[in-house]
């Protein structure tokens, strides 16, 4: 069996890594001109399902390295005012495994065949049941299965399920990261909490590595090369619906809305890496109508993009990767044919993927600024 995976995000790479470990050929096609063309280095909180999924997709020899580059985390999920005084609670505390997306992505890339500058333009299902993917600047690729893991603007979904389109929530947020130094020790209670300002919300999260990733790889898996990065604070400012910033840079847009805030919070944004601060929109994709069975399917944000406030986007994509991996291994072992195996994956994925989207949307109002709604206490 040969599988073509379109998209080199976490879900697509986890699938390819899991198939590779099972002896199934998997090629990854990425539209970006290079693996590091876009910065993807923010922290993620993995729940037990997401963490076990990525663990199961990786070779067992890398499990000690994976355990060394993550951290256990818990957060009270408080609501604080701009002077860091507690004014309410978002709900029950949250626990999980925290990992850096950039570091995890480099681990998942190890040993895989990844073709960059490969923008998909379409595909054809051939008479023999295989599928031929077409790209703008490279030769076509033929495989037994084509997997669209190419995000919210999925080119694969555009052909497979054109009626499934993203919905823009109207919410915008600015995200960035700042090195975690002793200067910000006093912000510890704000990590995992929401700071409610005048028309904006600021969310902070710390990334502390048990061992620096580059050093951990050198010690535990010399064949793996991980980024040389240190501890940092990930911050995100959520703007009111359709509240586009007017400042020239994302970083300046955040600072312009923090007049009178606690000096440590202002310093955190001032010392952020400007190259890794960006404005993003919150769009969702909800799986509804199933497409006809065939040798093409979707994974992750391509079919169930969630609001980040649900904390389940990466977790659900990794769950997809592990589930599809297991279904395809079953097909190779002749427990069922390929189309039936893909159908089993899709039936389960549609159910939990749709629930993940609905959960994330239900959680969004608690984080989006609304001057007419008092903060919960």
Protein backbone atom coordinates (compact mmCIF):
# COMPACT_ATOMS: atom_id res chain seq x y z
CA UNK A 1 0.00 0.00 0.00
CA UNK A 2 1.13 3.53 -0.75
CA UNK A 3 -0.41 6.62 0.84
CA UNK A 4 -0.05 10.25 -0.27
CA UNK A 5 -0.50 12.71 2.58
CA UNK A 6 -1.16 16.33 1.58
CA UNK A 7 -0.07 18.68 4.36
CA UNK A 8 2.90 18.56 6.73
CA UNK A 9 1.13 19.66 9.89
CA UNK A 10 1.06 17.59 13.06
CA UNK A 11 -1.80 15.33 11.97
CA UNK A 12 -0.41 14.53 8.54
CA UNK A 13 3.09 13.92 9.86
CA UNK A 14 1.83 11.73 12.72
CA UNK A 15 -0.09 9.61 10.20
CA UNK A 16 2.93 9.30 7.91
CA UNK A 17 5.19 8.45 10.84
CA UNK A 18 2.77 5.79 12.07
CA UNK A 19 2.43 4.24 8.62
CA UNK A 20 6.19 4.32 8.11
CA UNK A 21 6.70 2.43 11.36
CA UNK A 22 4.19 -0.19 10.15
CA UNK A 23 6.02 -0.67 6.85
CA UNK A 24 3.45 1.22 4.76
CA UNK A 25 4.86 3.65 2.20
CA UNK A 26 3.80 7.22 2.87
CA UNK A 27 4.86 10.39 1.06
CA UNK A 28 4.05 13.85 2.41
CA UNK A 29 3.38 16.80 0.10
CA UNK A 30 3.57 20.31 1.56
CA UNK A 31 2.58 23.47 -0.32
CA UNK A 32 5.03 25.70 1.58
CA UNK A 33 8.38 26.25 -0.18
CA UNK A 34 10.22 24.80 2.80
CA UNK A 35 9.54 22.98 6.06
CA UNK A 36 10.41 26.08 8.11
CA UNK A 37 8.84 28.62 5.73
CA UNK A 38 6.23 29.51 8.36
CA UNK A 39 6.85 29.73 12.08
CA UNK A 40 4.84 27.09 13.94
CA UNK A 41 6.37 27.25 17.39
CA UNK A 42 3.61 27.75 19.94
CA UNK A 43 2.80 25.56 22.89
CA UNK A 44 -0.03 23.02 22.77
CA UNK A 45 -1.87 21.28 25.58
CA UNK A 46 -2.43 17.62 24.75
CA UNK A 47 -5.12 15.66 26.56
CA UNK A 48 -4.58 11.95 27.34
CA UNK A 49 -6.13 10.89 24.01
CA UNK A 50 -3.99 13.27 21.95
CA UNK A 51 -0.77 12.43 23.78
CA UNK A 52 -1.34 8.68 23.52
CA UNK A 53 -2.16 9.07 19.82
CA UNK A 54 1.12 10.79 18.99
CA UNK A 55 2.98 8.32 21.18
CA UNK A 56 1.43 5.38 19.32
CA UNK A 57 2.35 6.89 15.95
CA UNK A 58 6.03 7.27 16.92
CA UNK A 59 8.61 4.48 17.07
CA UNK A 60 8.98 3.19 20.63
CA UNK A 61 12.68 4.08 20.59
CA UNK A 62 11.70 7.77 20.58
CA UNK A 63 9.30 7.55 23.52
CA UNK A 64 11.98 8.53 26.09
CA UNK A 65 12.77 11.62 23.98
CA UNK A 66 9.09 12.53 23.71
CA UNK A 67 8.70 12.25 27.48
CA UNK A 68 11.70 14.54 28.00
CA UNK A 69 10.50 17.39 25.77
CA UNK A 70 7.01 17.74 27.27
CA UNK A 71 5.83 19.06 30.61
CA UNK A 72 2.93 18.31 32.88
CA UNK A 73 0.76 21.36 33.41
CA UNK A 74 -2.20 22.40 35.43
CA UNK A 75 -4.04 25.71 35.46
CA UNK A 76 -6.66 27.16 37.76
CA UNK A 77 -8.26 29.03 34.84
CA UNK A 78 -8.81 32.25 36.74
CA UNK A 79 -10.13 35.53 35.41
CA UNK A 80 -7.80 38.40 36.29
CA UNK A 81 -8.05 42.13 35.75
CA UNK A 82 -5.20 44.04 34.01
CA UNK A 83 -3.52 44.53 37.41
CA UNK A 84 -3.52 40.73 37.94
CA UNK A 85 -6.21 40.76 40.62
CA UNK A 86 -8.54 37.75 40.62
CA UNK A 87 -12.08 38.73 39.62
CA UNK A 88 -13.61 35.37 38.70
CA UNK A 89 -13.11 31.90 37.34
CA UNK A 90 -13.51 30.39 33.90
CA UNK A 91 -14.48 27.02 35.31
CA UNK A 92 -12.79 23.91 36.59
CA UNK A 93 -9.01 23.74 36.52
CA UNK A 94 -7.33 22.15 33.51
CA UNK A 95 -4.50 19.64 33.35
CA UNK A 96 -2.63 18.14 30.43
CA UNK A 97 0.68 17.53 28.71
CA UNK A 98 2.27 20.65 27.23
CA UNK A 99 4.40 20.39 24.11
CA UNK A 100 5.92 22.89 21.70
CA UNK A 101 4.42 22.54 18.21
CA UNK A 102 7.68 23.32 16.44
CA UNK A 103 9.64 20.78 18.48
CA UNK A 104 7.00 18.06 18.06
CA UNK A 105 6.80 18.77 14.33
CA UNK A 106 10.56 18.28 13.93
CA UNK A 107 10.38 15.00 15.81
CA UNK A 108 7.55 13.82 13.56
CA UNK A 109 9.47 14.87 10.43
CA UNK A 110 12.42 12.62 11.23
CA UNK A 111 12.95 9.92 8.61
CA UNK A 112 9.96 10.88 6.44
CA UNK A 113 9.89 11.72 2.73
CA UNK A 114 8.48 15.26 2.53
CA UNK A 115 8.08 17.06 -0.80
CA UNK A 116 7.89 20.83 -0.34
CA UNK A 117 6.61 23.45 -2.80
CA UNK A 118 3.94 20.89 -3.70
CA UNK A 119 0.64 22.79 -3.98
CA UNK A 120 -2.15 20.39 -4.90
CA UNK A 121 -4.26 21.49 -7.88
CA UNK A 122 -6.56 18.47 -8.07
CA UNK A 123 -6.72 14.71 -8.26
CA UNK A 124 -8.20 11.90 -10.37
CA UNK A 125 -9.48 8.51 -9.28
CA UNK A 126 -8.13 6.04 -11.85
CA UNK A 127 -9.87 3.02 -13.34
CA UNK A 128 -7.75 0.69 -11.20
CA UNK A 129 -9.00 2.37 -8.01
CA UNK A 130 -5.82 4.29 -7.29
CA UNK A 131 -5.74 8.07 -7.03
CA UNK A 132 -3.41 10.43 -8.86
CA UNK A 133 -2.68 13.76 -7.17
CA UNK A 134 -1.73 16.71 -9.35
CA UNK A 135 0.51 19.56 -8.23
CA UNK A 136 1.32 23.00 -9.58
CA UNK A 137 5.10 22.62 -9.77
CA UNK A 138 5.88 18.91 -9.63
CA UNK A 139 4.96 15.67 -11.35
CA UNK A 140 1.73 13.87 -10.39
CA UNK A 141 1.86 11.23 -7.65
CA UNK A 142 -0.17 8.02 -7.68
CA UNK A 143 -1.13 6.16 -4.52
CA UNK A 144 -3.71 3.76 -3.13
CA UNK A 145 -5.03 6.48 -0.80
CA UNK A 146 -4.89 10.28 -0.79
CA UNK A 147 -5.27 11.96 2.61
CA UNK A 148 -6.04 15.67 2.81
CA UNK A 149 -4.35 16.93 5.97
CA UNK A 150 -3.94 20.40 4.51
CA UNK A 151 -5.75 22.59 7.00
CA UNK A 152 -8.75 24.91 7.01
CA UNK A 153 -8.24 25.94 3.37
CA UNK A 154 -7.84 22.31 2.26
CA UNK A 155 -7.35 21.89 -1.49
CA UNK A 156 -8.25 18.21 -1.16
CA UNK A 157 -11.56 19.07 0.56
CA UNK A 158 -12.32 21.56 -2.20
CA UNK A 159 -12.51 18.66 -4.67
CA UNK A 160 -13.79 15.90 -2.40
CA UNK A 161 -16.44 17.85 -0.52
CA UNK A 162 -16.89 21.34 -2.04
CA UNK A 163 -20.08 21.85 -0.01
CA UNK A 164 -18.02 21.72 3.21
CA UNK A 165 -16.65 25.22 3.70
CA UNK A 166 -15.07 27.16 6.56
CA UNK A 167 -17.16 29.47 8.72
CA UNK A 168 -15.52 32.68 9.90
CA UNK A 169 -16.54 33.40 13.51
CA UNK A 170 -15.53 37.05 13.10
CA UNK A 171 -13.13 36.71 16.05
CA UNK A 172 -9.52 37.80 15.57
CA UNK A 173 -6.56 37.27 17.84
CA UNK A 174 -2.90 38.19 17.96
CA UNK A 175 -0.50 35.46 19.08
CA UNK A 176 3.16 35.69 20.02
CA UNK A 177 5.89 34.39 22.31
CA UNK A 178 8.42 35.88 24.72
CA UNK A 179 11.46 34.22 26.34
CA UNK A 180 10.62 33.11 29.89
CA UNK A 181 13.06 34.94 32.16
CA UNK A 182 13.14 35.59 35.91
CA UNK A 183 11.54 38.96 35.20
CA UNK A 184 8.22 37.23 34.56
CA UNK A 185 8.18 34.96 37.61
CA UNK A 186 5.42 37.09 39.10
CA UNK A 187 3.08 36.20 36.22
CA UNK A 188 2.86 32.53 37.18
CA UNK A 189 -0.76 32.72 38.39
CA UNK A 190 -1.76 34.21 35.04
CA UNK A 191 -0.58 31.16 33.11
CA UNK A 192 -3.65 29.29 31.94
CA UNK A 193 -5.93 32.15 33.01
CA UNK A 194 -7.70 34.98 31.20
CA UNK A 195 -6.83 38.63 31.74
CA UNK A 196 -9.95 40.65 30.99
CA UNK A 197 -9.21 44.15 29.74
CA UNK A 198 -11.26 46.87 28.11
CA UNK A 199 -12.63 45.11 25.03
CA UNK A 200 -9.86 42.51 24.87
CA UNK A 201 -8.79 39.29 26.58
CA UNK A 202 -5.16 38.23 27.08
CA UNK A 203 -4.29 34.55 27.54
CA UNK A 204 -0.87 33.39 28.76
CA UNK A 205 0.75 29.97 28.84
CA UNK A 206 4.25 28.91 29.90
CA UNK A 207 6.41 26.40 28.02
CA UNK A 208 9.10 24.92 30.26
CA UNK A 209 11.16 22.05 28.91
CA UNK A 210 12.38 19.31 31.23
CA UNK A 211 15.55 19.30 29.11
CA UNK A 212 16.26 21.74 26.26
CA UNK A 213 15.02 19.95 23.11
CA UNK A 214 18.29 20.04 21.16
CA UNK A 215 20.20 18.67 24.15
CA UNK A 216 17.56 16.01 24.84
CA UNK A 217 17.76 14.72 21.25
CA UNK A 218 21.56 14.60 21.34
CA UNK A 219 21.43 12.53 24.51
CA UNK A 220 18.50 10.21 23.79
CA UNK A 221 18.13 9.96 19.98
CA UNK A 222 21.14 11.30 18.05
CA UNK A 223 19.41 10.63 14.71
CA UNK A 224 16.80 13.28 15.61
CA UNK A 225 17.55 16.99 15.23
CA UNK A 226 15.38 19.30 17.32
CA UNK A 227 15.30 23.12 17.44
CA UNK A 228 17.59 24.90 19.87
CA UNK A 229 14.99 26.85 21.84
CA UNK A 230 14.48 27.68 25.49
CA UNK A 231 11.55 28.24 27.82
CA UNK A 232 9.02 30.88 26.78
CA UNK A 233 5.60 32.40 27.44
CA UNK A 234 2.98 32.04 24.73
CA UNK A 235 0.52 34.90 24.75
CA UNK A 236 -2.64 35.55 22.75
CA UNK A 237 -4.85 38.62 22.77
CA UNK A 238 -8.42 37.98 21.64
CA UNK A 239 -10.10 40.98 20.08
CA UNK A 240 -13.83 41.69 19.99
CA UNK A 241 -15.70 40.34 16.95
CA UNK A 242 -14.49 42.09 13.80
CA UNK A 243 -12.16 44.19 15.93
CA UNK A 244 -9.24 44.50 13.54
CA UNK A 245 -6.15 46.22 14.97
CA UNK A 246 -5.05 49.46 13.36
CA UNK A 247 -1.38 49.36 14.41
CA UNK A 248 1.34 48.62 11.84
CA UNK A 249 2.48 45.38 13.53
CA UNK A 250 0.72 42.70 15.52
CA UNK A 251 2.91 43.41 18.55
CA UNK A 252 2.12 47.14 18.45
CA UNK A 253 -1.58 46.36 18.08
CA UNK A 254 -1.49 44.46 21.38
CA UNK A 255 0.50 47.17 23.21
CA UNK A 256 -1.91 49.87 21.97
CA UNK A 257 -4.70 48.13 23.90
CA UNK A 258 -2.75 47.73 27.16
CA UNK A 259 -2.54 51.30 28.46
CA UNK A 260 -2.50 51.22 32.27
CA UNK A 261 -1.98 47.44 32.47
CA UNK A 262 0.42 45.82 34.94
CA UNK A 263 4.01 46.68 33.93
CA UNK A 264 5.01 43.01 33.82
CA UNK A 265 2.30 42.35 31.25
CA UNK A 266 3.40 45.28 29.13
CA UNK A 267 7.04 44.16 29.38
CA UNK A 268 6.04 40.66 28.29
CA UNK A 269 4.68 42.00 25.00
CA UNK A 270 7.48 44.54 24.55
CA UNK A 271 10.10 41.77 24.79
CA UNK A 272 8.28 39.39 22.43
CA UNK A 273 9.94 38.13 19.29
CA UNK A 274 8.41 40.38 16.59
CA UNK A 275 9.03 37.78 13.87
CA UNK A 276 6.81 35.30 15.73
CA UNK A 277 3.84 37.57 16.43
CA UNK A 278 0.93 37.44 14.03
CA UNK A 279 -2.77 38.24 13.58
CA UNK A 280 -5.04 35.23 13.02
CA UNK A 281 -8.73 34.69 12.42
CA UNK A 282 -10.83 32.00 14.06
CA UNK A 283 -12.50 29.89 11.40
CA UNK A 284 -14.17 26.53 11.91
CA UNK A 285 -15.05 23.63 9.63
CA UNK A 286 -17.80 21.28 10.77
CA UNK A 287 -18.17 17.84 9.18
CA UNK A 288 -21.74 17.31 8.02
CA UNK A 289 -22.51 15.49 4.79
CA UNK A 290 -20.42 12.39 4.03
CA UNK A 291 -18.88 12.08 0.60
CA UNK A 292 -19.04 8.94 -1.54
CA UNK A 293 -16.71 6.12 -0.44
CA UNK A 294 -13.41 6.10 -2.29
CA UNK A 295 -9.62 6.32 -2.05
CA UNK A 296 -9.61 9.93 -0.75
CA UNK A 297 -10.25 11.12 2.79
CA UNK A 298 -9.61 14.06 5.12
CA UNK A 299 -7.88 14.53 8.46
CA UNK A 300 -7.59 17.28 11.09
CA UNK A 301 -8.52 20.89 10.33
CA UNK A 302 -9.31 19.96 6.73
CA UNK A 303 -12.57 18.44 7.97
CA UNK A 304 -13.10 19.57 11.58
CA UNK A 305 -11.30 22.84 12.30
CA UNK A 306 -12.06 24.02 15.82
CA UNK A 307 -11.82 27.28 17.68
CA UNK A 308 -8.57 27.28 19.72
CA UNK A 309 -10.60 28.10 22.84
CA UNK A 310 -11.79 24.49 22.86
CA UNK A 311 -8.23 23.23 23.32
CA UNK A 312 -8.94 20.24 21.10
CA UNK A 313 -7.76 21.05 17.55
CA UNK A 314 -4.36 19.33 17.68
CA UNK A 315 -5.72 16.60 19.93
CA UNK A 316 -8.44 15.71 17.43
CA UNK A 317 -6.03 15.77 14.46
CA UNK A 318 -3.65 13.43 16.28
CA UNK A 319 -6.57 11.18 17.18
CA UNK A 320 -7.46 11.08 13.47
CA UNK A 321 -3.91 10.12 12.56
CA UNK A 322 -3.79 7.25 15.03
CA UNK A 323 -7.26 5.96 14.09
CA UNK A 324 -6.58 6.07 10.34
CA UNK A 325 -3.19 4.43 10.92
CA UNK A 326 -4.83 1.54 12.72
CA UNK A 327 -7.56 1.16 10.09
CA UNK A 328 -5.01 1.08 7.26
CA UNK A 329 -2.85 -1.47 9.06
CA UNK A 330 -5.96 -3.61 9.31
CA UNK A 331 -6.45 -3.33 5.55
CA UNK A 332 -2.85 -4.35 4.88
CA UNK A 333 -3.29 -7.34 7.16
CA UNK A 334 -6.35 -8.29 5.07
CA UNK A 335 -8.87 -7.91 7.86
CA UNK A 336 -10.88 -5.74 5.43
CA UNK A 337 -10.48 -3.96 2.10
CA UNK A 338 -9.10 -0.43 1.82
CA UNK A 339 -12.40 1.34 1.11
CA UNK A 340 -14.09 -0.37 4.06
CA UNK A 341 -11.16 0.55 6.32
CA UNK A 342 -11.37 4.20 5.26
CA UNK A 343 -15.14 4.09 5.79
CA UNK A 344 -14.67 2.84 9.35
CA UNK A 345 -12.27 5.71 10.01
CA UNK A 346 -14.63 8.30 8.55
CA UNK A 347 -17.68 7.12 10.51
CA UNK A 348 -15.84 7.46 13.81
CA UNK A 349 -14.02 10.66 12.84
CA UNK A 350 -17.21 12.42 11.76
CA UNK A 351 -18.78 11.71 15.15
CA UNK A 352 -16.00 12.85 17.48
CA UNK A 353 -14.76 15.53 15.06
CA UNK A 354 -18.16 17.17 14.90
CA UNK A 355 -18.42 17.08 18.67
CA UNK A 356 -14.98 18.72 18.96
CA UNK A 357 -16.08 21.62 16.76
CA UNK A 358 -19.32 22.11 18.70
CA UNK A 359 -17.44 22.01 22.03
CA UNK A 360 -14.93 24.61 20.84
CA UNK A 361 -17.69 26.97 19.69
CA UNK A 362 -19.53 26.57 23.00
CA UNK A 363 -16.33 27.56 24.83
CA UNK A 364 -15.62 30.60 22.63
CA UNK A 365 -17.95 33.16 24.29
CA UNK A 366 -16.15 32.82 27.64
CA UNK A 367 -12.96 34.12 26.03
CA UNK A 368 -14.28 36.70 23.57
CA UNK A 369 -14.55 40.21 25.04
CA UNK A 370 -18.13 41.40 25.49
CA UNK A 371 -18.63 44.62 27.47
CA UNK A 372 -22.33 43.84 27.87
CA UNK A 373 -21.66 40.49 29.57
CA UNK A 374 -20.30 40.59 33.13
CA UNK A 375 -17.39 38.30 33.95
CA UNK A 376 -18.39 35.13 35.87
CA UNK A 377 -17.44 34.99 39.53
